[in-house]
Protein backbone atom coordinates (compact mmCIF):
# COMPACT_ATOMS: atom_id res chain seq x y z
CA MET A 1 6.44 -88.50 22.44
CA SER A 2 5.85 -86.75 19.10
CA ALA A 3 8.46 -86.78 16.34
CA ASP A 4 9.27 -83.13 17.03
CA LYS A 5 9.92 -83.62 20.74
CA ARG A 6 13.20 -84.79 22.15
CA THR A 7 14.80 -85.16 25.54
CA VAL A 8 17.35 -82.48 26.37
CA THR A 9 19.57 -81.87 29.37
CA LEU A 10 19.88 -78.29 30.55
CA GLU A 11 22.42 -77.02 33.06
CA LEU A 12 20.94 -74.41 35.38
CA ALA A 13 22.30 -73.00 38.63
CA GLY A 14 24.88 -75.75 38.83
CA GLY A 15 22.46 -78.61 38.27
CA LYS A 16 21.40 -80.73 35.32
CA PHE A 17 17.76 -81.02 34.34
CA ARG A 18 16.35 -83.42 31.74
CA LEU A 19 13.17 -82.43 29.98
CA THR A 20 11.24 -83.13 26.84
CA SER A 21 11.00 -80.20 24.47
CA ASP A 22 10.19 -79.30 20.90
CA ALA A 23 11.97 -75.93 21.19
CA GLU A 24 14.91 -75.07 18.95
CA ASP A 25 18.36 -75.44 20.51
CA ASP A 26 19.11 -71.72 20.08
CA HIS A 27 15.90 -70.81 21.89
CA LEU A 28 16.70 -73.16 24.78
CA ARG A 29 20.23 -71.76 25.00
CA ARG A 30 18.83 -68.22 25.23
CA LEU A 31 16.43 -69.26 28.00
CA VAL A 32 19.23 -70.95 29.92
CA GLN A 33 21.39 -67.83 29.46
CA MET A 34 18.59 -65.63 30.85
CA VAL A 35 18.17 -67.82 33.93
CA GLU A 36 21.92 -68.04 34.49
CA GLU A 37 22.20 -64.24 34.25
CA ARG A 38 19.48 -63.94 36.89
CA VAL A 39 21.22 -66.40 39.17
CA ALA A 40 24.53 -64.55 38.71
CA ALA A 41 22.78 -61.23 39.49
CA LEU A 42 21.82 -62.64 42.90
CA GLY A 43 25.52 -62.56 43.71
CA PRO A 44 28.14 -65.11 44.66
CA LYS A 45 27.06 -65.14 48.30
CA SER A 46 23.59 -66.32 47.28
CA SER A 47 25.05 -69.10 45.18
CA ARG A 48 27.15 -70.33 48.09
CA SER A 49 24.50 -70.08 50.79
CA SER A 50 21.35 -71.08 48.89
CA SER A 51 20.27 -74.38 47.47
CA GLN A 52 19.83 -74.83 43.76
CA ALA A 53 16.06 -75.09 44.25
CA HIS A 54 16.02 -71.85 46.24
CA LEU A 55 18.02 -69.98 43.59
CA LEU A 56 15.77 -71.21 40.81
CA ALA A 57 12.64 -70.38 42.84
CA VAL A 58 13.85 -66.81 43.37
CA VAL A 59 14.61 -66.44 39.66
CA ALA A 60 11.23 -67.96 38.72
CA LEU A 61 9.41 -65.52 41.02
CA GLY A 62 11.32 -62.59 39.54
CA LEU A 63 10.48 -63.67 36.01
CA ALA A 64 6.82 -64.22 36.94
CA ASP A 65 6.69 -60.74 38.48
CA GLU A 66 8.13 -59.22 35.30
CA LEU A 67 5.62 -61.17 33.20
CA LEU A 68 2.70 -59.82 35.22
CA ALA A 69 4.06 -56.27 34.93
CA ALA A 70 4.46 -56.68 31.16
CA GLU A 71 0.89 -58.01 30.89
CA ARG A 72 -0.39 -54.98 32.84
CA ARG A 73 1.53 -52.63 30.53
CA ALA A 74 0.17 -54.44 27.46
CA ARG A 75 -3.42 -54.16 28.77
CA ALA A 76 -2.93 -50.46 29.52
CA LEU A 77 -1.55 -49.91 26.01
CA GLU A 78 -4.46 -51.85 24.48
CA ASP A 79 -6.95 -49.78 26.50
CA SER A 80 -5.25 -46.54 25.49
CA THR A 81 -5.17 -47.58 21.83
CA ARG A 82 -8.80 -48.70 21.92
CA LYS A 83 -9.80 -45.37 23.46
CA ALA A 84 -7.83 -43.38 20.86
CA VAL A 85 -9.34 -45.37 17.97
CA THR A 86 -12.86 -45.00 19.40
CA THR A 87 -12.38 -41.24 19.77
CA ALA A 88 -11.05 -40.95 16.22
CA LEU A 89 -13.96 -42.95 14.82
CA GLU A 90 -16.45 -40.80 16.72
CA ARG A 91 -14.84 -37.66 15.27
CA ILE A 92 -14.97 -39.13 11.77
CA ASP A 93 -18.62 -40.10 12.24
CA ARG A 94 -19.48 -36.56 13.40
CA ARG A 95 -17.71 -35.03 10.41
CA LEU A 96 -19.49 -37.37 8.02
CA ALA A 97 -22.83 -36.63 9.68
CA ASP A 98 -22.25 -32.90 9.28
CA GLY A 99 -22.00 -33.35 5.55
CA PRO A 100 -19.53 -31.79 3.11
CA ARG A 101 -18.08 -28.38 3.89
CA ASP A 102 -17.98 -25.72 1.24
């Protein structure tokens, strides 16, 4: 274990999980808060009728789905930006090739 890593205990969906992490405490607290908000959004009935593992699996799948959607949006934005820059450069090249205007 490196000097920066330490063992922490996180409480998620009613259970305690020990893990080794080099993340800042504030960052870990925010992650736990996000997961807990997702579990709460599933509703009290889910919490009563589902196992801890099931709740966390549903939350993990939801987060993974959002990650994939965000990656798709980022790729689309990159493609759009690349296309706009390429078009602008082509226009600049054409203007430069035409020479100065009087």
